[in-house]
Amino acid sequence: MKVSFQKRQDTVADTARRISASEFKASCLALLDEVAQTGLPLIVTKRGKPLAKLVPLGEPGPPNLLGSVRYKKEDDLLSPVDEIWEADR
């Protein structure tokens, strides 16, 4: 007997609750609270096709510091240095 197991990969579309756009419009504030409390996404459909995904925002992470430091070029980086280094002696 041969048995094979396949790992099932659930996507957000598989696990998320689906709701029509008209139903979302009628109760959007309650649905926003529900998504925030449960942490589960909600897919809004229009004529049966996915239109938008509502997901909880979550906790803010650390700020991205990339590009936030400004520096000023004071010297010409290519000009010779007047100081004699120990390695040059």
PDB file of N, CA and C in Angstrom:
ATOM      1  N   MET A   1       0.847  -1.167   0.000  1.00  0.00           N
ATOM      2  CA  MET A   1       0.000   0.000   0.000  1.00  0.00           C
ATOM      3  C   MET A   1       0.894   1.233   0.000  1.00  0.00           C
ATOM      4  N   LYS A   2       0.596   2.169  -0.873  1.00  0.00           N
ATOM      5  CA  LYS A   2       1.378   3.390  -0.983  1.00  0.00           C
ATOM      6  C   LYS A   2       0.553   4.554  -0.451  1.00  0.00           C
ATOM      7  N   VAL A   3       1.131   5.282   0.477  1.00  0.00           N
ATOM      8  CA  VAL A   3       0.458   6.442   1.059  1.00  0.00           C
ATOM      9  C   VAL A   3       1.325   7.660   0.798  1.00  0.00           C
ATOM     10  N   SER A   4       0.725   8.710   0.287  1.00  0.00           N
ATOM     11  CA  SER A   4       1.485   9.943   0.079  1.00  0.00           C
ATOM     12  C   SER A   4       0.768  11.095   0.772  1.00  0.00           C
ATOM     13  N   PHE A   5       1.563  11.950   1.323  1.00  0.00           N
ATOM     14  CA  PHE A   5       1.025  13.119   2.004  1.00  0.00           C
ATOM     15  C   PHE A   5       1.471  14.364   1.262  1.00  0.00           C
ATOM     16  N   GLN A   6       0.550  15.245   1.061  1.00  0.00           N
ATOM     17  CA  GLN A   6       0.887  16.519   0.443  1.00  0.00           C
ATOM     18  C   GLN A   6       0.614  17.618   1.453  1.00  0.00           C
ATOM     19  N   LYS A   7       1.565  18.501   1.567  1.00  0.00           N
ATOM     20  CA  LYS A   7       1.394  19.620   2.489  1.00  0.00           C
ATOM     21  C   LYS A   7       0.391  20.598   1.892  1.00  0.00           C
ATOM     22  N   ARG A   8      -0.627  20.891   2.657  1.00  0.00           N
ATOM     23  CA  ARG A   8      -1.647  21.815   2.180  1.00  0.00           C
ATOM     24  C   ARG A   8      -1.222  23.223   2.547  1.00  0.00           C
ATOM     25  N   GLN A   9      -1.221  24.077   1.579  1.00  0.00           N
ATOM     26  CA  GLN A   9      -0.840  25.460   1.813  1.00  0.00           C
ATOM     27  C   GLN A   9      -2.086  26.325   1.692  1.00  0.00           C
ATOM     28  N   ASP A  10      -2.616  26.708   2.843  1.00  0.00           N
ATOM     29  CA  ASP A  10      -3.775  27.588   2.840  1.00  0.00           C
ATOM     30  C   ASP A  10      -3.317  29.001   2.533  1.00  0.00           C
ATOM     31  N   THR A  11      -4.050  29.636   1.674  1.00  0.00           N
ATOM     32  CA  THR A  11      -3.765  31.030   1.382  1.00  0.00           C
ATOM     33  C   THR A  11      -4.797  31.887   2.085  1.00  0.00           C
ATOM     34  N   VAL A  12      -4.585  33.177   2.053  1.00  0.00           N
ATOM     35  CA  VAL A  12      -5.545  34.097   2.670  1.00  0.00           C
ATOM     36  C   VAL A  12      -6.905  33.932   2.018  1.00  0.00           C
ATOM     37  N   ALA A  13      -6.919  33.700   0.719  1.00  0.00           N
ATOM     38  CA  ALA A  13      -8.188  33.535   0.019  1.00  0.00           C
ATOM     39  C   ALA A  13      -8.935  32.296   0.504  1.00  0.00           C
ATOM     40  N   ASP A  14      -8.211  31.264   0.945  1.00  0.00           N
ATOM     41  CA  ASP A  14      -8.854  30.046   1.437  1.00  0.00           C
ATOM     42  C   ASP A  14      -9.422  30.227   2.841  1.00  0.00           C
ATOM     43  N   THR A  15      -8.713  30.946   3.690  1.00  0.00           N
ATOM     44  CA  THR A  15      -9.101  31.039   5.091  1.00  0.00           C
ATOM     45  C   THR A  15      -9.912  32.282   5.426  1.00  0.00           C
ATOM     46  N   ALA A  16      -9.900  33.273   4.566  1.00  0.00           N
ATOM     47  CA  ALA A  16     -10.595  34.527   4.863  1.00  0.00           C
ATOM     48  C   ALA A  16     -12.090  34.403   4.600  1.00  0.00           C
ATOM     49  N   ARG A  17     -12.843  35.109   5.395  1.00  0.00           N
ATOM     50  CA  ARG A  17     -14.288  35.175   5.194  1.00  0.00           C
ATOM     51  C   ARG A  17     -14.576  36.101   4.016  1.00  0.00           C
ATOM     52  N   ARG A  18     -15.530  35.726   3.198  1.00  0.00           N
ATOM     53  CA  ARG A  18     -15.911  36.540   2.042  1.00  0.00           C
ATOM     54  C   ARG A  18     -17.241  37.219   2.314  1.00  0.00           C
ATOM     55  N   ILE A  19     -17.357  38.445   1.829  1.00  0.00           N
ATOM     56  CA  ILE A  19     -18.570  39.220   2.037  1.00  0.00           C
ATOM     57  C   ILE A  19     -18.800  40.085   0.801  1.00  0.00           C
ATOM     58  N   SER A  20     -20.045  40.275   0.426  1.00  0.00           N
ATOM     59  CA  SER A  20     -20.349  41.080  -0.758  1.00  0.00           C
ATOM     60  C   SER A  20     -20.142  42.561  -0.452  1.00  0.00           C
ATOM     61  N   ALA A  21     -19.911  43.336  -1.495  1.00  0.00           N
ATOM     62  CA  ALA A  21     -19.683  44.770  -1.330  1.00  0.00           C
ATOM     63  C   ALA A  21     -20.898  45.455  -0.721  1.00  0.00           C
ATOM     64  N   SER A  22     -22.090  45.025  -1.101  1.00  0.00           N
ATOM     65  CA  SER A  22     -23.296  45.651  -0.544  1.00  0.00           C
ATOM     66  C   SER A  22     -23.441  45.342   0.946  1.00  0.00           C
ATOM     67  N   GLU A  23     -23.100  44.122   1.349  1.00  0.00           N
ATOM     68  CA  GLU A  23     -23.151  43.766   2.765  1.00  0.00           C
ATOM     69  C   GLU A  23     -22.070  44.515   3.550  1.00  0.00           C
ATOM     70  N   PHE A  24     -20.901  44.681   2.932  1.00  0.00           N
ATOM     71  CA  PHE A  24     -19.831  45.441   3.578  1.00  0.00           C
ATOM     72  C   PHE A  24     -20.251  46.895   3.779  1.00  0.00           C
ATOM     73  N   LYS A  25     -20.890  47.457   2.766  1.00  0.00           N
ATOM     74  CA  LYS A  25     -21.340  48.849   2.847  1.00  0.00           C
ATOM     75  C   LYS A  25     -22.340  49.034   3.983  1.00  0.00           C
ATOM     76  N   ALA A  26     -23.215  48.063   4.160  1.00  0.00           N
ATOM     77  CA  ALA A  26     -24.260  48.167   5.180  1.00  0.00           C
ATOM     78  C   ALA A  26     -23.709  48.044   6.601  1.00  0.00           C
ATOM     79  N   SER A  27     -22.622  47.316   6.781  1.00  0.00           N
ATOM     80  CA  SER A  27     -22.127  47.095   8.147  1.00  0.00           C
ATOM     81  C   SER A  27     -20.610  47.248   8.245  1.00  0.00           C
ATOM     82  N   CYS A  28     -20.065  48.245   7.563  1.00  0.00           N
ATOM     83  CA  CYS A  28     -18.601  48.365   7.501  1.00  0.00           C
ATOM     84  C   CYS A  28     -17.964  48.654   8.860  1.00  0.00           C
ATOM     85  N   LEU A  29     -18.572  49.465   9.705  1.00  0.00           N
ATOM     86  CA  LEU A  29     -17.960  49.771  11.002  1.00  0.00           C
ATOM     87  C   LEU A  29     -17.875  48.534  11.893  1.00  0.00           C
ATOM     88  N   ALA A  30     -18.924  47.743  11.898  1.00  0.00           N
ATOM     89  CA  ALA A  30     -18.908  46.511  12.690  1.00  0.00           C
ATOM     90  C   ALA A  30     -17.881  45.527  12.132  1.00  0.00           C
ATOM     91  N   LEU A  31     -17.748  45.472  10.818  1.00  0.00           N
ATOM     92  CA  LEU A  31     -16.771  44.572  10.203  1.00  0.00           C
ATOM     93  C   LEU A  31     -15.340  45.026  10.491  1.00  0.00           C
ATOM     94  N   LEU A  32     -15.111  46.334  10.517  1.00  0.00           N
ATOM     95  CA  LEU A  32     -13.788  46.845  10.876  1.00  0.00           C
ATOM     96  C   LEU A  32     -13.417  46.429  12.297  1.00  0.00           C
ATOM     97  N   ASP A  33     -14.376  46.550  13.209  1.00  0.00           N
ATOM     98  CA  ASP A  33     -14.135  46.128  14.591  1.00  0.00           C
ATOM     99  C   ASP A  33     -13.864  44.630  14.676  1.00  0.00           C
ATOM    100  N   GLU A  34     -14.606  43.859  13.893  1.00  0.00           N
ATOM    101  CA  GLU A  34     -14.440  42.396  13.901  1.00  0.00           C
ATOM    102  C   GLU A  34     -13.044  41.997  13.434  1.00  0.00           C
ATOM    103  N   VAL A  35     -12.581  42.603  12.353  1.00  0.00           N
ATOM    104  CA  VAL A  35     -11.252  42.278  11.826  1.00  0.00           C
ATOM    105  C   VAL A  35     -10.172  42.692  12.827  1.00  0.00           C
ATOM    106  N   ALA A  36     -10.357  43.837  13.474  1.00  0.00           N
ATOM    107  CA  ALA A  36      -9.380  44.294  14.468  1.00  0.00           C
ATOM    108  C   ALA A  36      -9.336  43.353  15.671  1.00  0.00           C
ATOM    109  N   GLN A  37     -10.484  42.836  16.099  1.00  0.00           N
ATOM    110  CA  GLN A  37     -10.536  41.958  17.272  1.00  0.00           C
ATOM    111  C   GLN A  37     -10.039  40.552  16.970  1.00  0.00           C
ATOM    112  N   THR A  38     -10.480  39.987  15.850  1.00  0.00           N
ATOM    113  CA  THR A  38     -10.136  38.597  15.546  1.00  0.00           C
ATOM    114  C   THR A  38      -8.766  38.452  14.890  1.00  0.00           C
ATOM    115  N   GLY A  39      -8.333  39.480  14.170  1.00  0.00           N
ATOM    116  CA  GLY A  39      -7.073  39.391  13.444  1.00  0.00           C
ATOM    117  C   GLY A  39      -7.189  38.629  12.142  1.00  0.00           C
ATOM    118  N   LEU A  40      -8.407  38.234  11.784  1.00  0.00           N
ATOM    119  CA  LEU A  40      -8.622  37.475  10.550  1.00  0.00           C
ATOM    120  C   LEU A  40      -8.991  38.411   9.411  1.00  0.00           C
ATOM    121  N   PRO A  41      -8.461  38.161   8.217  1.00  0.00           N
ATOM    122  CA  PRO A  41      -8.772  39.028   7.084  1.00  0.00           C
ATOM    123  C   PRO A  41     -10.189  38.819   6.573  1.00  0.00           C
ATOM    124  N   LEU A  42     -10.650  39.778   5.809  1.00  0.00           N
ATOM    125  CA  LEU A  42     -11.985  39.746   5.223  1.00  0.00           C
ATOM    126  C   LEU A  42     -11.841  40.131   3.759  1.00  0.00           C
ATOM    127  N   ILE A  43     -12.418  39.342   2.872  1.00  0.00           N
ATOM    128  CA  ILE A  43     -12.360  39.641   1.446  1.00  0.00           C
ATOM    129  C   ILE A  43     -13.711  40.174   1.004  1.00  0.00           C
ATOM    130  N   VAL A  44     -13.681  41.344   0.379  1.00  0.00           N
ATOM    131  CA  VAL A  44     -14.899  41.970  -0.129  1.00  0.00           C
ATOM    132  C   VAL A  44     -15.014  41.613  -1.606  1.00  0.00           C
ATOM    133  N   THR A  45     -16.180  41.106  -1.991  1.00  0.00           N
ATOM    134  CA  THR A  45     -16.390  40.689  -3.377  1.00  0.00           C
ATOM    135  C   THR A  45     -17.437  41.559  -4.055  1.00  0.00           C
ATOM    136  N   LYS A  46     -17.333  41.628  -5.350  1.00  0.00           N
ATOM    137  CA  LYS A  46     -18.331  42.320  -6.164  1.00  0.00           C
ATOM    138  C   LYS A  46     -18.685  41.385  -7.309  1.00  0.00           C
ATOM    139  N   ARG A  47     -19.936  40.997  -7.337  1.00  0.00           N
ATOM    140  CA  ARG A  47     -20.424  40.017  -8.317  1.00  0.00           C
ATOM    141  C   ARG A  47     -19.637  38.705  -8.226  1.00  0.00           C
ATOM    142  N   GLY A  48     -19.281  38.334  -7.001  1.00  0.00           N
ATOM    143  CA  GLY A  48     -18.600  37.069  -6.763  1.00  0.00           C
ATOM    144  C   GLY A  48     -17.100  37.082  -6.967  1.00  0.00           C
ATOM    145  N   LYS A  49     -16.547  38.176  -7.449  1.00  0.00           N
ATOM    146  CA  LYS A  49     -15.102  38.259  -7.687  1.00  0.00           C
ATOM    147  C   LYS A  49     -14.450  39.096  -6.591  1.00  0.00           C
ATOM    148  N   PRO A  50     -13.308  38.661  -6.089  1.00  0.00           N
ATOM    149  CA  PRO A  50     -12.622  39.417  -5.037  1.00  0.00           C
ATOM    150  C   PRO A  50     -12.284  40.830  -5.502  1.00  0.00           C
ATOM    151  N   LEU A  51     -12.608  41.794  -4.658  1.00  0.00           N
ATOM    152  CA  LEU A  51     -12.391  43.195  -4.999  1.00  0.00           C
ATOM    153  C   LEU A  51     -11.356  43.836  -4.073  1.00  0.00           C
ATOM    154  N   ALA A  52     -11.454  43.529  -2.778  1.00  0.00           N
ATOM    155  CA  ALA A  52     -10.547  44.123  -1.791  1.00  0.00           C
ATOM    156  C   ALA A  52     -10.352  43.154  -0.639  1.00  0.00           C
ATOM    157  N   LYS A  53      -9.243  43.349   0.076  1.00  0.00           N
ATOM    158  CA  LYS A  53      -8.962  42.525   1.247  1.00  0.00           C
ATOM    159  C   LYS A  53      -8.765  43.462   2.431  1.00  0.00           C
ATOM    160  N   LEU A  54      -9.513  43.230   3.484  1.00  0.00           N
ATOM    161  CA  LEU A  54      -9.401  44.007   4.712  1.00  0.00           C
ATOM    162  C   LEU A  54      -8.604  43.176   5.707  1.00  0.00           C
ATOM    163  N   VAL A  55      -7.466  43.706   6.130  1.00  0.00           N
ATOM    164  CA  VAL A  55      -6.600  42.986   7.064  1.00  0.00           C
ATOM    165  C   VAL A  55      -6.336  43.863   8.279  1.00  0.00           C
ATOM    166  N   PRO A  56      -6.072  43.248   9.435  1.00  0.00           N
ATOM    167  CA  PRO A  56      -5.754  44.055  10.614  1.00  0.00           C
ATOM    168  C   PRO A  56      -4.405  44.740  10.432  1.00  0.00           C
ATOM    169  N   LEU A  57      -4.295  45.920  10.979  1.00  0.00           N
ATOM    170  CA  LEU A  57      -3.066  46.692  10.831  1.00  0.00           C
ATOM    171  C   LEU A  57      -1.935  46.120  11.663  1.00  0.00           C
ATOM    172  N   GLY A  58      -2.225  45.651  12.837  1.00  0.00           N
ATOM    173  CA  GLY A  58      -1.191  45.070  13.689  1.00  0.00           C
ATOM    174  C   GLY A  58      -0.426  46.133  14.444  1.00  0.00           C
ATOM    175  N   GLU A  59       0.541  45.663  15.192  1.00  0.00           N
ATOM    176  CA  GLU A  59       1.365  46.569  15.987  1.00  0.00           C
ATOM    177  C   GLU A  59       2.385  47.258  15.088  1.00  0.00           C
ATOM    178  N   PRO A  60       2.605  48.537  15.305  1.00  0.00           N
ATOM    179  CA  PRO A  60       3.626  49.215  14.499  1.00  0.00           C
ATOM    180  C   PRO A  60       5.013  48.692  14.852  1.00  0.00           C
ATOM    181  N   GLY A  61       5.803  48.468  13.842  1.00  0.00           N
ATOM    182  CA  GLY A  61       7.157  47.977  14.056  1.00  0.00           C
ATOM    183  C   GLY A  61       8.118  49.130  14.280  1.00  0.00           C
ATOM    184  N   PRO A  62       9.375  48.816  14.394  1.00  0.00           N
ATOM    185  CA  PRO A  62      10.359  49.879  14.570  1.00  0.00           C
ATOM    186  C   PRO A  62      10.428  50.738  13.309  1.00  0.00           C
ATOM    187  N   PRO A  63      10.718  52.012  13.461  1.00  0.00           N
ATOM    188  CA  PRO A  63      10.765  52.875  12.281  1.00  0.00           C
ATOM    189  C   PRO A  63      11.911  52.477  11.362  1.00  0.00           C
ATOM    190  N   ASN A  64      11.700  52.673  10.092  1.00  0.00           N
ATOM    191  CA  ASN A  64      12.727  52.381   9.109  1.00  0.00           C
ATOM    192  C   ASN A  64      13.677  53.570   9.055  1.00  0.00           C
ATOM    193  N   LEU A  65      14.902  53.364   9.473  1.00  0.00           N
ATOM    194  CA  LEU A  65      15.867  54.454   9.538  1.00  0.00           C
ATOM    195  C   LEU A  65      16.679  54.612   8.260  1.00  0.00           C
ATOM    196  N   LEU A  66      16.444  53.757   7.293  1.00  0.00           N
ATOM    197  CA  LEU A  66      17.184  53.824   6.044  1.00  0.00           C
ATOM    198  C   LEU A  66      16.907  55.153   5.347  1.00  0.00           C
ATOM    199  N   GLY A  67      17.920  55.907   5.090  1.00  0.00           N
ATOM    200  CA  GLY A  67      17.777  57.190   4.414  1.00  0.00           C
ATOM    201  C   GLY A  67      17.412  58.337   5.335  1.00  0.00           C
ATOM    202  N   SER A  68      17.338  58.102   6.634  1.00  0.00           N
ATOM    203  CA  SER A  68      16.928  59.168   7.539  1.00  0.00           C
ATOM    204  C   SER A  68      18.107  59.974   8.083  1.00  0.00           C
ATOM    205  N   VAL A  69      19.311  59.497   7.875  1.00  0.00           N
ATOM    206  CA  VAL A  69      20.486  60.202   8.381  1.00  0.00           C
ATOM    207  C   VAL A  69      21.027  61.108   7.285  1.00  0.00           C
ATOM    208  N   ARG A  70      21.196  62.362   7.633  1.00  0.00           N
ATOM    209  CA  ARG A  70      21.792  63.298   6.679  1.00  0.00           C
ATOM    210  C   ARG A  70      23.225  63.571   7.122  1.00  0.00           C
ATOM    211  N   TYR A  71      24.086  63.634   6.183  1.00  0.00           N
ATOM    212  CA  TYR A  71      25.470  63.926   6.506  1.00  0.00           C
ATOM    213  C   TYR A  71      25.978  64.994   5.560  1.00  0.00           C
ATOM    214  N   LYS A  72      27.014  65.647   5.989  1.00  0.00           N
ATOM    215  CA  LYS A  72      27.567  66.750   5.220  1.00  0.00           C
ATOM    216  C   LYS A  72      29.009  66.417   4.865  1.00  0.00           C
ATOM    217  N   LYS A  73      29.319  66.575   3.631  1.00  0.00           N
ATOM    218  CA  LYS A  73      30.686  66.338   3.178  1.00  0.00           C
ATOM    219  C   LYS A  73      31.497  67.593   3.491  1.00  0.00           C
ATOM    220  N   GLU A  74      32.436  67.462   4.409  1.00  0.00           N
ATOM    221  CA  GLU A  74      33.221  68.621   4.818  1.00  0.00           C
ATOM    222  C   GLU A  74      34.545  68.707   4.070  1.00  0.00           C
ATOM    223  N   ASP A  75      35.130  67.596   3.764  1.00  0.00           N
ATOM    224  CA  ASP A  75      36.439  67.584   3.116  1.00  0.00           C
ATOM    225  C   ASP A  75      36.340  66.884   1.771  1.00  0.00           C
ATOM    226  N   ASP A  76      37.333  67.134   0.968  1.00  0.00           N
ATOM    227  CA  ASP A  76      37.451  66.426  -0.291  1.00  0.00           C
ATOM    228  C   ASP A  76      37.986  65.031   0.018  1.00  0.00           C
ATOM    229  N   LEU A  77      37.220  64.021  -0.287  1.00  0.00           N
ATOM    230  CA  LEU A  77      37.606  62.657   0.061  1.00  0.00           C
ATOM    231  C   LEU A  77      38.790  62.142  -0.754  1.00  0.00           C
ATOM    232  N   LEU A  78      39.068  62.765  -1.903  1.00  0.00           N
ATOM    233  CA  LEU A  78      40.137  62.273  -2.763  1.00  0.00           C
ATOM    234  C   LEU A  78      41.461  62.990  -2.546  1.00  0.00           C
ATOM    235  N   SER A  79      41.457  64.083  -1.811  1.00  0.00           N
ATOM    236  CA  SER A  79      42.706  64.818  -1.583  1.00  0.00           C
ATOM    237  C   SER A  79      43.567  64.074  -0.563  1.00  0.00           C
ATOM    238  N   PRO A  80      44.894  64.217  -0.662  1.00  0.00           N
ATOM    239  CA  PRO A  80      45.779  63.529   0.278  1.00  0.00           C
ATOM    240  C   PRO A  80      45.578  64.031   1.712  1.00  0.00           C
ATOM    241  N   VAL A  81      45.819  63.144   2.653  1.00  0.00           N
ATOM    242  CA  VAL A  81      45.692  63.472   4.066  1.00  0.00           C
ATOM    243  C   VAL A  81      47.051  63.943   4.564  1.00  0.00           C
ATOM    244  N   ASP A  82      47.064  65.033   5.337  1.00  0.00           N
ATOM    245  CA  ASP A  82      48.328  65.579   5.847  1.00  0.00           C
ATOM    246  C   ASP A  82      48.919  64.725   6.962  1.00  0.00           C
ATOM    247  N   GLU A  83      48.099  63.973   7.616  1.00  0.00           N
ATOM    248  CA  GLU A  83      48.549  63.159   8.743  1.00  0.00           C
ATOM    249  C   GLU A  83      49.304  61.930   8.244  1.00  0.00           C
ATOM    250  N   ILE A  84      50.421  61.620   8.892  1.00  0.00           N
ATOM    251  CA  ILE A  84      51.194  60.427   8.536  1.00  0.00           C
ATOM    252  C   ILE A  84      50.727  59.290   9.436  1.00  0.00           C
ATOM    253  N   TRP A  85      50.289  58.238   8.816  1.00  0.00           N
ATOM    254  CA  TRP A  85      49.783  57.095   9.558  1.00  0.00           C
ATOM    255  C   TRP A  85      50.931  56.200   9.986  1.00  0.00           C
ATOM    256  N   GLU A  86      50.704  55.469  11.039  1.00  0.00           N
ATOM    257  CA  GLU A  86      51.734  54.571  11.560  1.00  0.00           C
ATOM    258  C   GLU A  86      52.076  53.486  10.540  1.00  0.00           C
ATOM    259  N   ALA A  87      51.137  53.052   9.768  1.00  0.00           N
ATOM    260  CA  ALA A  87      51.373  52.008   8.762  1.00  0.00           C
ATOM    261  C   ALA A  87      52.249  52.524   7.630  1.00  0.00           C
ATOM    262  N   ASP A  88      52.265  53.851   7.406  1.00  0.00           N
ATOM    263  CA  ASP A  88      53.074  54.426   6.333  1.00  0.00           C
ATOM    264  C   ASP A  88      54.523  54.651   6.755  1.00  0.00           C
ATOM    265  N   ARG A  89      54.847  54.525   8.036  1.00  0.00           N
ATOM    266  CA  ARG A  89      56.220  54.787   8.519  1.00  0.00           C
ATOM    267  C   ARG A  89      57.143  53.650   8.225  1.00  0.00           C
TER     268      ARG A  89
END
